[in-house]
Amino acid sequence: MGEYEIEQVINLLSYDLETLVKQSKEEGFRFVERLLNDYKNGSNMFSHCGEGIFGVFNNEGVIVAIGGLNKDLFSNEHNI
């Protein structure tokens, strides 16, 4: 197994995610497709304070995994 690097993704649309979407759907997961669709239509761009999208890149710079972090709407900010 090669080395991987995790980086914050600033513009999700600047990456080719076709392979990730295809592979995830073949494995029965739709979250990658949903993440991309929500980003494209503006309903979830992970742009609020404390949110972000992160990609895992292989040693060739190809994105091999992706995930987003949203603010927890149910958290009690006073206890953080």
PDB file of N, CA and C in Angstrom:
ATOM      1  N   MET A   1       0.837  -1.169   0.000  1.00  0.00           N
ATOM      2  CA  MET A   1       0.000   0.000   0.000  1.00  0.00           C
ATOM      3  C   MET A   1       0.886   1.236   0.000  1.00  0.00           C
ATOM      4  N   GLY A   2       0.543   2.209  -0.837  1.00  0.00           N
ATOM      5  CA  GLY A   2       1.328   3.427  -0.925  1.00  0.00           C
ATOM      6  C   GLY A   2       0.960   4.419   0.156  1.00  0.00           C
ATOM      7  N   GLU A   3       1.576   5.585   0.057  1.00  0.00           N
ATOM      8  CA  GLU A   3       1.299   6.631   1.025  1.00  0.00           C
ATOM      9  C   GLU A   3       0.121   7.466   0.574  1.00  0.00           C
ATOM     10  N   TYR A   4      -0.611   8.003   1.540  1.00  0.00           N
ATOM     11  CA  TYR A   4      -1.785   8.820   1.268  1.00  0.00           C
ATOM     12  C   TYR A   4      -1.672  10.130   2.025  1.00  0.00           C
ATOM     13  N   GLU A   5      -2.319  11.136   1.496  1.00  0.00           N
ATOM     14  CA  GLU A   5      -2.308  12.437   2.130  1.00  0.00           C
ATOM     15  C   GLU A   5      -3.734  12.963   2.204  1.00  0.00           C
ATOM     16  N   ILE A   6      -4.100  13.506   3.357  1.00  0.00           N
ATOM     17  CA  ILE A   6      -5.419  14.093   3.540  1.00  0.00           C
ATOM     18  C   ILE A   6      -5.289  15.598   3.398  1.00  0.00           C
ATOM     19  N   GLU A   7      -6.153  16.166   2.559  1.00  0.00           N
ATOM     20  CA  GLU A   7      -6.129  17.613   2.333  1.00  0.00           C
ATOM     21  C   GLU A   7      -7.549  18.141   2.330  1.00  0.00           C
ATOM     22  N   GLN A   8      -7.706  19.378   2.786  1.00  0.00           N
ATOM     23  CA  GLN A   8      -9.016  20.013   2.690  1.00  0.00           C
ATOM     24  C   GLN A   8      -9.265  20.382   1.234  1.00  0.00           C
ATOM     25  N   VAL A   9     -10.465  20.118   0.783  1.00  0.00           N
ATOM     26  CA  VAL A   9     -10.873  20.416  -0.588  1.00  0.00           C
ATOM     27  C   VAL A   9     -11.579  21.765  -0.573  1.00  0.00           C
ATOM     28  N   ILE A  10     -11.064  22.706  -1.366  1.00  0.00           N
ATOM     29  CA  ILE A  10     -11.654  24.042  -1.428  1.00  0.00           C
ATOM     30  C   ILE A  10     -12.783  24.101  -2.454  1.00  0.00           C
ATOM     31  N   ASN A  11     -12.580  23.514  -3.619  1.00  0.00           N
ATOM     32  CA  ASN A  11     -13.600  23.490  -4.667  1.00  0.00           C
ATOM     33  C   ASN A  11     -13.779  22.051  -5.139  1.00  0.00           C
ATOM     34  N   LEU A  12     -14.838  21.439  -4.693  1.00  0.00           N
ATOM     35  CA  LEU A  12     -15.089  20.030  -5.014  1.00  0.00           C
ATOM     36  C   LEU A  12     -15.197  19.792  -6.514  1.00  0.00           C
ATOM     37  N   LEU A  13     -15.698  20.766  -7.244  1.00  0.00           N
ATOM     38  CA  LEU A  13     -15.914  20.591  -8.681  1.00  0.00           C
ATOM     39  C   LEU A  13     -14.625  20.618  -9.492  1.00  0.00           C
ATOM     40  N   SER A  14     -13.516  20.920  -8.852  1.00  0.00           N
ATOM     41  CA  SER A  14     -12.237  20.912  -9.568  1.00  0.00           C
ATOM     42  C   SER A  14     -11.603  19.512  -9.609  1.00  0.00           C
ATOM     43  N   TYR A  15     -12.297  18.524  -9.038  1.00  0.00           N
ATOM     44  CA  TYR A  15     -11.792  17.154  -9.018  1.00  0.00           C
ATOM     45  C   TYR A  15     -12.691  16.241  -9.843  1.00  0.00           C
ATOM     46  N   ASP A  16     -12.093  15.246 -10.458  1.00  0.00           N
ATOM     47  CA  ASP A  16     -12.852  14.235 -11.196  1.00  0.00           C
ATOM     48  C   ASP A  16     -13.260  13.155 -10.197  1.00  0.00           C
ATOM     49  N   LEU A  17     -14.532  13.146  -9.856  1.00  0.00           N
ATOM     50  CA  LEU A  17     -15.038  12.192  -8.871  1.00  0.00           C
ATOM     51  C   LEU A  17     -15.827  11.056  -9.493  1.00  0.00           C
ATOM     52  N   GLU A  18     -15.828  10.978 -10.816  1.00  0.00           N
ATOM     53  CA  GLU A  18     -16.609   9.965 -11.518  1.00  0.00           C
ATOM     54  C   GLU A  18     -16.275   8.546 -11.054  1.00  0.00           C
ATOM     55  N   THR A  19     -14.999   8.251 -10.905  1.00  0.00           N
ATOM     56  CA  THR A  19     -14.578   6.911 -10.481  1.00  0.00           C
ATOM     57  C   THR A  19     -15.045   6.623  -9.055  1.00  0.00           C
ATOM     58  N   LEU A  20     -14.901   7.601  -8.160  1.00  0.00           N
ATOM     59  CA  LEU A  20     -15.345   7.397  -6.778  1.00  0.00           C
ATOM     60  C   LEU A  20     -16.847   7.164  -6.710  1.00  0.00           C
ATOM     61  N   VAL A  21     -17.609   7.950  -7.455  1.00  0.00           N
ATOM     62  CA  VAL A  21     -19.068   7.788  -7.464  1.00  0.00           C
ATOM     63  C   VAL A  21     -19.430   6.404  -7.986  1.00  0.00           C
ATOM     64  N   LYS A  22     -18.813   6.007  -9.084  1.00  0.00           N
ATOM     65  CA  LYS A  22     -19.098   4.698  -9.690  1.00  0.00           C
ATOM     66  C   LYS A  22     -18.764   3.560  -8.724  1.00  0.00           C
ATOM     67  N   GLN A  23     -17.571   3.604  -8.129  1.00  0.00           N
ATOM     68  CA  GLN A  23     -17.162   2.544  -7.213  1.00  0.00           C
ATOM     69  C   GLN A  23     -18.070   2.469  -5.995  1.00  0.00           C
ATOM     70  N   SER A  24     -18.434   3.614  -5.445  1.00  0.00           N
ATOM     71  CA  SER A  24     -19.276   3.603  -4.248  1.00  0.00           C
ATOM     72  C   SER A  24     -20.663   3.050  -4.564  1.00  0.00           C
ATOM     73  N   LYS A  25     -21.221   3.415  -5.723  1.00  0.00           N
ATOM     74  CA  LYS A  25     -22.538   2.895  -6.109  1.00  0.00           C
ATOM     75  C   LYS A  25     -22.482   1.391  -6.334  1.00  0.00           C
ATOM     76  N   GLU A  26     -21.395   0.896  -6.925  1.00  0.00           N
ATOM     77  CA  GLU A  26     -21.232  -0.543  -7.137  1.00  0.00           C
ATOM     78  C   GLU A  26     -21.174  -1.302  -5.816  1.00  0.00           C
ATOM     79  N   GLU A  27     -20.686  -0.647  -4.772  1.00  0.00           N
ATOM     80  CA  GLU A  27     -20.595  -1.270  -3.451  1.00  0.00           C
ATOM     81  C   GLU A  27     -21.848  -1.027  -2.609  1.00  0.00           C
ATOM     82  N   GLY A  28     -22.846  -0.364  -3.207  1.00  0.00           N
ATOM     83  CA  GLY A  28     -24.109  -0.157  -2.517  1.00  0.00           C
ATOM     84  C   GLY A  28     -24.190   1.113  -1.695  1.00  0.00           C
ATOM     85  N   PHE A  29     -23.257   2.009  -1.864  1.00  0.00           N
ATOM     86  CA  PHE A  29     -23.247   3.269  -1.123  1.00  0.00           C
ATOM     87  C   PHE A  29     -23.546   4.425  -2.064  1.00  0.00           C
ATOM     88  N   ARG A  30     -24.368   5.348  -1.614  1.00  0.00           N
ATOM     89  CA  ARG A  30     -24.732   6.495  -2.442  1.00  0.00           C
ATOM     90  C   ARG A  30     -24.266   7.821  -1.846  1.00  0.00           C
ATOM     91  N   PHE A  31     -23.520   7.782  -0.737  1.00  0.00           N
ATOM     92  CA  PHE A  31     -23.154   9.031  -0.080  1.00  0.00           C
ATOM     93  C   PHE A  31     -22.204   9.892  -0.900  1.00  0.00           C
ATOM     94  N   VAL A  32     -21.352   9.295  -1.705  1.00  0.00           N
ATOM     95  CA  VAL A  32     -20.439  10.094  -2.532  1.00  0.00           C
ATOM     96  C   VAL A  32     -21.233  10.836  -3.604  1.00  0.00           C
ATOM     97  N   GLU A  33     -22.174  10.126  -4.223  1.00  0.00           N
ATOM     98  CA  GLU A  33     -23.031  10.756  -5.228  1.00  0.00           C
ATOM     99  C   GLU A  33     -23.867  11.871  -4.594  1.00  0.00           C
ATOM    100  N   ARG A  34     -24.396  11.620  -3.409  1.00  0.00           N
ATOM    101  CA  ARG A  34     -25.207  12.638  -2.728  1.00  0.00           C
ATOM    102  C   ARG A  34     -24.352  13.841  -2.356  1.00  0.00           C
ATOM    103  N   LEU A  35     -23.166  13.612  -1.828  1.00  0.00           N
ATOM    104  CA  LEU A  35     -22.272  14.707  -1.479  1.00  0.00           C
ATOM    105  C   LEU A  35     -22.013  15.588  -2.697  1.00  0.00           C
ATOM    106  N   LEU A  36     -21.722  14.972  -3.822  1.00  0.00           N
ATOM    107  CA  LEU A  36     -21.447  15.707  -5.054  1.00  0.00           C
ATOM    108  C   LEU A  36     -22.690  16.447  -5.545  1.00  0.00           C
ATOM    109  N   ASN A  37     -23.831  15.787  -5.563  1.00  0.00           N
ATOM    110  CA  ASN A  37     -25.073  16.431  -6.015  1.00  0.00           C
ATOM    111  C   ASN A  37     -25.467  17.599  -5.123  1.00  0.00           C
ATOM    112  N   ASP A  38     -25.368  17.419  -3.812  1.00  0.00           N
ATOM    113  CA  ASP A  38     -25.704  18.495  -2.877  1.00  0.00           C
ATOM    114  C   ASP A  38     -24.757  19.680  -3.046  1.00  0.00           C
ATOM    115  N   TYR A  39     -23.500  19.386  -3.312  1.00  0.00           N
ATOM    116  CA  TYR A  39     -22.524  20.460  -3.534  1.00  0.00           C
ATOM    117  C   TYR A  39     -22.862  21.215  -4.824  1.00  0.00           C
ATOM    118  N   LYS A  40     -23.163  20.476  -5.874  1.00  0.00           N
ATOM    119  CA  LYS A  40     -23.479  21.089  -7.167  1.00  0.00           C
ATOM    120  C   LYS A  40     -24.720  21.975  -7.101  1.00  0.00           C
ATOM    121  N   ASN A  41     -25.756  21.510  -6.396  1.00  0.00           N
ATOM    122  CA  ASN A  41     -26.993  22.289  -6.349  1.00  0.00           C
ATOM    123  C   ASN A  41     -26.985  23.344  -5.238  1.00  0.00           C
ATOM    124  N   GLY A  42     -25.919  23.397  -4.460  1.00  0.00           N
ATOM    125  CA  GLY A  42     -25.764  24.432  -3.440  1.00  0.00           C
ATOM    126  C   GLY A  42     -26.443  24.151  -2.119  1.00  0.00           C
ATOM    127  N   SER A  43     -27.071  22.990  -1.976  1.00  0.00           N
ATOM    128  CA  SER A  43     -27.771  22.695  -0.726  1.00  0.00           C
ATOM    129  C   SER A  43     -26.828  22.321   0.423  1.00  0.00           C
ATOM    130  N   ASN A  44     -25.614  21.904   0.092  1.00  0.00           N
ATOM    131  CA  ASN A  44     -24.615  21.600   1.126  1.00  0.00           C
ATOM    132  C   ASN A  44     -23.231  21.759   0.520  1.00  0.00           C
ATOM    133  N   MET A  45     -22.648  22.919   0.782  1.00  0.00           N
ATOM    134  CA  MET A  45     -21.321  23.199   0.244  1.00  0.00           C
ATOM    135  C   MET A  45     -20.247  23.175   1.340  1.00  0.00           C
ATOM    136  N   PHE A  46     -20.642  22.738   2.540  1.00  0.00           N
ATOM    137  CA  PHE A  46     -19.696  22.622   3.658  1.00  0.00           C
ATOM    138  C   PHE A  46     -18.948  23.940   3.861  1.00  0.00           C
ATOM    139  N   SER A  47     -19.688  25.053   3.775  1.00  0.00           N
ATOM    140  CA  SER A  47     -19.056  26.364   3.799  1.00  0.00           C
ATOM    141  C   SER A  47     -19.317  27.155   5.075  1.00  0.00           C
ATOM    142  N   HIS A  48     -20.036  26.570   6.033  1.00  0.00           N
ATOM    143  CA  HIS A  48     -20.278  27.271   7.285  1.00  0.00           C
ATOM    144  C   HIS A  48     -19.072  27.115   8.202  1.00  0.00           C
ATOM    145  N   CYS A  49     -19.005  27.971   9.187  1.00  0.00           N
ATOM    146  CA  CYS A  49     -17.897  27.941  10.143  1.00  0.00           C
ATOM    147  C   CYS A  49     -17.775  26.541  10.753  1.00  0.00           C
ATOM    148  N   GLY A  50     -16.590  25.981  10.711  1.00  0.00           N
ATOM    149  CA  GLY A  50     -16.344  24.659  11.280  1.00  0.00           C
ATOM    150  C   GLY A  50     -16.628  23.501  10.348  1.00  0.00           C
ATOM    151  N   GLU A  51     -17.078  23.782   9.126  1.00  0.00           N
ATOM    152  CA  GLU A  51     -17.379  22.717   8.171  1.00  0.00           C
ATOM    153  C   GLU A  51     -16.265  22.598   7.138  1.00  0.00           C
ATOM    154  N   GLY A  52     -16.213  21.464   6.452  1.00  0.00           N
ATOM    155  CA  GLY A  52     -15.217  21.296   5.406  1.00  0.00           C
ATOM    156  C   GLY A  52     -15.360  19.965   4.687  1.00  0.00           C
ATOM    157  N   ILE A  53     -14.744  19.916   3.522  1.00  0.00           N
ATOM    158  CA  ILE A  53     -14.660  18.680   2.745  1.00  0.00           C
ATOM    159  C   ILE A  53     -13.193  18.287   2.715  1.00  0.00           C
ATOM    160  N   PHE A  54     -12.936  17.002   2.907  1.00  0.00           N
ATOM    161  CA  PHE A  54     -11.557  16.516   2.938  1.00  0.00           C
ATOM    162  C   PHE A  54     -11.404  15.352   1.977  1.00  0.00           C
ATOM    163  N   GLY A  55     -10.307  15.363   1.258  1.00  0.00           N
ATOM    164  CA  GLY A  55     -10.019  14.298   0.319  1.00  0.00           C
ATOM    165  C   GLY A  55      -8.779  13.538   0.724  1.00  0.00           C
ATOM    166  N   VAL A  56      -8.757  12.272   0.368  1.00  0.00           N
ATOM    167  CA  VAL A  56      -7.565  11.439   0.553  1.00  0.00           C
ATOM    168  C   VAL A  56      -6.966  11.241  -0.832  1.00  0.00           C
ATOM    169  N   PHE A  57      -5.710  11.590  -0.962  1.00  0.00           N
ATOM    170  CA  PHE A  57      -5.021  11.536  -2.244  1.00  0.00           C
ATOM    171  C   PHE A  57      -3.900  10.515  -2.190  1.00  0.00           C
ATOM    172  N   ASN A  58      -3.757   9.739  -3.276  1.00  0.00           N
ATOM    173  CA  ASN A  58      -2.651   8.782  -3.336  1.00  0.00           C
ATOM    174  C   ASN A  58      -1.369   9.500  -3.736  1.00  0.00           C
ATOM    175  N   ASN A  59      -0.292   8.764  -3.847  1.00  0.00           N
ATOM    176  CA  ASN A  59       1.006   9.377  -4.140  1.00  0.00           C
ATOM    177  C   ASN A  59       1.092   9.921  -5.565  1.00  0.00           C
ATOM    178  N   GLU A  60       0.083   9.669  -6.396  1.00  0.00           N
ATOM    179  CA  GLU A  60       0.027  10.223  -7.744  1.00  0.00           C
ATOM    180  C   GLU A  60      -0.871  11.456  -7.799  1.00  0.00           C
ATOM    181  N   GLY A  61      -1.403  11.862  -6.642  1.00  0.00           N
ATOM    182  CA  GLY A  61      -2.266  13.036  -6.568  1.00  0.00           C
ATOM    183  C   GLY A  61      -3.704  12.780  -6.957  1.00  0.00           C
ATOM    184  N   VAL A  62      -4.084  11.502  -7.069  1.00  0.00           N
ATOM    185  CA  VAL A  62      -5.446  11.138  -7.440  1.00  0.00           C
ATOM    186  C   VAL A  62      -6.284  11.022  -6.168  1.00  0.00           C
ATOM    187  N   ILE A  63      -7.469  11.617  -6.198  1.00  0.00           N
ATOM    188  CA  ILE A  63      -8.357  11.537  -5.044  1.00  0.00           C
ATOM    189  C   ILE A  63      -8.965  10.134  -4.982  1.00  0.00           C
ATOM    190  N   VAL A  64      -8.787   9.473  -3.842  1.00  0.00           N
ATOM    191  CA  VAL A  64      -9.239   8.085  -3.693  1.00  0.00           C
ATOM    192  C   VAL A  64     -10.338   7.935  -2.645  1.00  0.00           C
ATOM    193  N   ALA A  65     -10.591   8.989  -1.884  1.00  0.00           N
ATOM    194  CA  ALA A  65     -11.659   8.966  -0.886  1.00  0.00           C
ATOM    195  C   ALA A  65     -12.017  10.413  -0.567  1.00  0.00           C
ATOM    196  N   ILE A  66     -13.244  10.587  -0.125  1.00  0.00           N
ATOM    197  CA  ILE A  66     -13.709  11.943   0.189  1.00  0.00           C
ATOM    198  C   ILE A  66     -14.739  11.888   1.297  1.00  0.00           C
ATOM    199  N   GLY A  67     -14.796  12.930   2.092  1.00  0.00           N
ATOM    200  CA  GLY A  67     -15.802  13.023   3.141  1.00  0.00           C
ATOM    201  C   GLY A  67     -15.986  14.464   3.553  1.00  0.00           C
ATOM    202  N   GLY A  68     -17.146  14.759   4.075  1.00  0.00           N
ATOM    203  CA  GLY A  68     -17.446  16.113   4.515  1.00  0.00           C
ATOM    204  C   GLY A  68     -17.805  16.141   5.982  1.00  0.00           C
ATOM    205  N   LEU A  69     -17.573  17.292   6.578  1.00  0.00           N
ATOM    206  CA  LEU A  69     -17.889  17.493   7.988  1.00  0.00           C
ATOM    207  C   LEU A  69     -18.802  18.702   8.089  1.00  0.00           C
ATOM    208  N   ASN A  70     -20.021  18.477   8.608  1.00  0.00           N
ATOM    209  CA  ASN A  70     -20.982  19.556   8.816  1.00  0.00           C
ATOM    210  C   ASN A  70     -21.090  19.887  10.289  1.00  0.00           C
ATOM    211  N   LYS A  71     -21.529  21.082  10.552  1.00  0.00           N
ATOM    212  CA  LYS A  71     -21.803  21.492  11.921  1.00  0.00           C
ATOM    213  C   LYS A  71     -22.959  20.647  12.435  1.00  0.00           C
ATOM    214  N   ASP A  72     -22.851  20.172  13.650  1.00  0.00           N
ATOM    215  CA  ASP A  72     -23.912  19.373  14.269  1.00  0.00           C
ATOM    216  C   ASP A  72     -25.012  20.309  14.753  1.00  0.00           C
ATOM    217  N   LEU A  73     -26.166  20.243  14.108  1.00  0.00           N
ATOM    218  CA  LEU A  73     -27.279  21.121  14.451  1.00  0.00           C
ATOM    219  C   LEU A  73     -27.852  20.840  15.835  1.00  0.00           C
ATOM    220  N   PHE A  74     -27.540  19.666  16.382  1.00  0.00           N
ATOM    221  CA  PHE A  74     -28.089  19.282  17.671  1.00  0.00           C
ATOM    222  C   PHE A  74     -27.092  19.454  18.811  1.00  0.00           C
ATOM    223  N   SER A  75     -25.911  19.963  18.506  1.00  0.00           N
ATOM    224  CA  SER A  75     -24.927  20.149  19.578  1.00  0.00           C
ATOM    225  C   SER A  75     -25.274  21.372  20.402  1.00  0.00           C
ATOM    226  N   ASN A  76     -24.847  21.347  21.622  1.00  0.00           N
ATOM    227  CA  ASN A  76     -25.039  22.483  22.525  1.00  0.00           C
ATOM    228  C   ASN A  76     -23.755  23.294  22.494  1.00  0.00           C
ATOM    229  N   GLU A  77     -23.754  24.382  21.735  1.00  0.00           N
ATOM    230  CA  GLU A  77     -22.533  25.158  21.527  1.00  0.00           C
ATOM    231  C   GLU A  77     -21.981  25.723  22.822  1.00  0.00           C
ATOM    232  N   HIS A  78     -22.800  25.891  23.838  1.00  0.00           N
ATOM    233  CA  HIS A  78     -22.336  26.462  25.104  1.00  0.00           C
ATOM    234  C   HIS A  78     -21.455  25.477  25.871  1.00  0.00           C
ATOM    235  N   ASN A  79     -21.564  24.189  25.545  1.00  0.00           N
ATOM    236  CA  ASN A  79     -20.775  23.179  26.252  1.00  0.00           C
ATOM    237  C   ASN A  79     -19.540  22.770  25.472  1.00  0.00           C
ATOM    238  N   ILE A  80     -19.281  23.409  24.359  1.00  0.00           N
ATOM    239  CA  ILE A  80     -18.136  23.022  23.532  1.00  0.00           C
ATOM    240  C   ILE A  80     -16.896  23.740  24.004  1.00  0.00           C
TER     241      ILE A  80
END
